Amino acid sequence: MTITGSITSQDVLRDGSGLVELTLPDADPQQRRDLEAAKWFQYRLYRGSALLYSSPHLTLSETRRTNDGALVVAGHP
């Protein structure tokens, strides 16, 4: 699945464990359902066509919605 648009990522330390959170405000409804049902995810950051970063496989640990309806996906290596 490819999601483009305004995606915010941050590293979070919770209970001594590292997590990565992606906030997806613009993902279409089917992509959101697919992500909520996933067991793991991986993300890649591009600038233009140049790959800047490729994450390891991240085990999905949490999905939640923000007050404005954005989907937040959290995972850990």
C-alpha atoms as a PDB file:
ATOM      1  CA  MET A   1       0.000   0.000   0.000  1.00  0.00           C
ATOM      2  CA  THR A   2       1.260   3.485  -0.776  1.00  0.00           C
ATOM      3  CA  ILE A   3       0.034   6.494   1.140  1.00  0.00           C
ATOM      4  CA  THR A   4       1.098   9.895  -0.035  1.00  0.00           C
ATOM      5  CA  GLY A   5       0.423  13.334   1.331  1.00  0.00           C
ATOM      6  CA  SER A   6       0.944  14.925   4.706  1.00  0.00           C
ATOM      7  CA  ILE A   7       2.308  12.234   7.017  1.00  0.00           C
ATOM      8  CA  THR A   8       3.925  13.102  10.332  1.00  0.00           C
ATOM      9  CA  SER A   9       6.290  10.647  12.014  1.00  0.00           C
ATOM     10  CA  GLN A  10       7.814  10.749  15.464  1.00  0.00           C
ATOM     11  CA  ASP A  11       9.789   8.476  17.731  1.00  0.00           C
ATOM     12  CA  VAL A  12       8.205   7.920  21.120  1.00  0.00           C
ATOM     13  CA  LEU A  13       9.569   6.333  24.285  1.00  0.00           C
ATOM     14  CA  ARG A  14       6.779   4.650  26.239  1.00  0.00           C
ATOM     15  CA  ASP A  15       7.448   2.423  29.261  1.00  0.00           C
ATOM     16  CA  GLY A  16      11.113   2.197  28.258  1.00  0.00           C
ATOM     17  CA  SER A  17      10.281   0.882  24.784  1.00  0.00           C
ATOM     18  CA  GLY A  18      10.793   2.740  21.536  1.00  0.00           C
ATOM     19  CA  LEU A  19       7.834   3.256  19.226  1.00  0.00           C
ATOM     20  CA  VAL A  20       7.341   4.969  15.901  1.00  0.00           C
ATOM     21  CA  GLU A  21       4.081   6.856  15.405  1.00  0.00           C
ATOM     22  CA  LEU A  22       2.805   7.864  11.991  1.00  0.00           C
ATOM     23  CA  THR A  23      -0.076  10.339  11.782  1.00  0.00           C
ATOM     24  CA  LEU A  24      -2.041  10.014   8.539  1.00  0.00           C
ATOM     25  CA  PRO A  25      -4.517  12.866   8.146  1.00  0.00           C
ATOM     26  CA  ASP A  26      -5.159  12.382   4.427  1.00  0.00           C
ATOM     27  CA  ALA A  27      -5.253   8.602   3.889  1.00  0.00           C
ATOM     28  CA  ASP A  28      -8.371   7.369   2.141  1.00  0.00           C
ATOM     29  CA  PRO A  29     -10.903   5.326   4.176  1.00  0.00           C
ATOM     30  CA  GLN A  30      -9.930   1.947   2.663  1.00  0.00           C
ATOM     31  CA  GLN A  31      -6.245   2.529   3.369  1.00  0.00           C
ATOM     32  CA  ARG A  32      -7.098   3.411   6.960  1.00  0.00           C
ATOM     33  CA  ARG A  33      -9.098   0.192   7.401  1.00  0.00           C
ATOM     34  CA  ASP A  34      -6.253  -1.829   5.860  1.00  0.00           C
ATOM     35  CA  LEU A  35      -3.724  -0.273   8.251  1.00  0.00           C
ATOM     36  CA  GLU A  36      -5.936  -0.812  11.295  1.00  0.00           C
ATOM     37  CA  ALA A  37      -6.173  -4.523  10.388  1.00  0.00           C
ATOM     38  CA  ALA A  38      -2.432  -4.971   9.673  1.00  0.00           C
ATOM     39  CA  LYS A  39      -0.091  -6.908  11.952  1.00  0.00           C
ATOM     40  CA  TRP A  40       3.043  -5.034  10.839  1.00  0.00           C
ATOM     41  CA  PHE A  41       4.044  -2.158   8.627  1.00  0.00           C
ATOM     42  CA  GLN A  42       7.100  -0.617   7.068  1.00  0.00           C
ATOM     43  CA  TYR A  43       7.518   2.889   5.780  1.00  0.00           C
ATOM     44  CA  ARG A  44       9.832   4.637   3.363  1.00  0.00           C
ATOM     45  CA  LEU A  45      10.513   8.340   3.131  1.00  0.00           C
ATOM     46  CA  TYR A  46      11.180   9.852  -0.272  1.00  0.00           C
ATOM     47  CA  ARG A  47      12.116  13.282  -1.522  1.00  0.00           C
ATOM     48  CA  GLY A  48      11.036  13.307  -5.126  1.00  0.00           C
ATOM     49  CA  SER A  49      12.143   9.905  -6.401  1.00  0.00           C
ATOM     50  CA  ALA A  50      15.133   9.615  -4.023  1.00  0.00           C
ATOM     51  CA  LEU A  51      14.726   7.177  -1.117  1.00  0.00           C
ATOM     52  CA  LEU A  52      15.829   8.905   2.101  1.00  0.00           C
ATOM     53  CA  TYR A  53      14.933   6.218   4.670  1.00  0.00           C
ATOM     54  CA  SER A  54      13.450   2.732   4.838  1.00  0.00           C
ATOM     55  CA  SER A  55      12.251   1.532   8.238  1.00  0.00           C
ATOM     56  CA  PRO A  56      12.593  -2.028   9.492  1.00  0.00           C
ATOM     57  CA  HIS A  57       9.390  -4.058   9.743  1.00  0.00           C
ATOM     58  CA  LEU A  58       7.456  -2.560  12.642  1.00  0.00           C
ATOM     59  CA  THR A  59       4.979  -4.651  14.635  1.00  0.00           C
ATOM     60  CA  LEU A  60       1.709  -2.779  14.916  1.00  0.00           C
ATOM     61  CA  SER A  61       1.043  -2.015  18.567  1.00  0.00           C
ATOM     62  CA  GLU A  62      -1.727   0.587  18.433  1.00  0.00           C
ATOM     63  CA  THR A  63      -4.054   2.479  16.141  1.00  0.00           C
ATOM     64  CA  ARG A  64      -6.137   5.410  17.253  1.00  0.00           C
ATOM     65  CA  ARG A  65      -7.985   8.409  15.884  1.00  0.00           C
ATOM     66  CA  THR A  66      -7.249  12.007  16.773  1.00  0.00           C
ATOM     67  CA  ASN A  67     -10.007  14.526  17.466  1.00  0.00           C
ATOM     68  CA  ASP A  68      -9.756  15.795  13.886  1.00  0.00           C
ATOM     69  CA  GLY A  69     -10.107  12.266  12.433  1.00  0.00           C
ATOM     70  CA  ALA A  70      -6.471  11.583  11.523  1.00  0.00           C
ATOM     71  CA  LEU A  71      -5.298   7.999  11.950  1.00  0.00           C
ATOM     72  CA  VAL A  72      -2.283   7.422  14.231  1.00  0.00           C
ATOM     73  CA  VAL A  73      -0.435   4.112  13.734  1.00  0.00           C
ATOM     74  CA  ALA A  74       2.196   3.058  16.296  1.00  0.00           C
ATOM     75  CA  GLY A  75       4.674   0.241  15.904  1.00  0.00           C
ATOM     76  CA  HIS A  76       7.969  -1.079  17.230  1.00  0.00           C
ATOM     77  CA  PRO A  77      10.822  -3.102  15.710  1.00  0.00           C
END
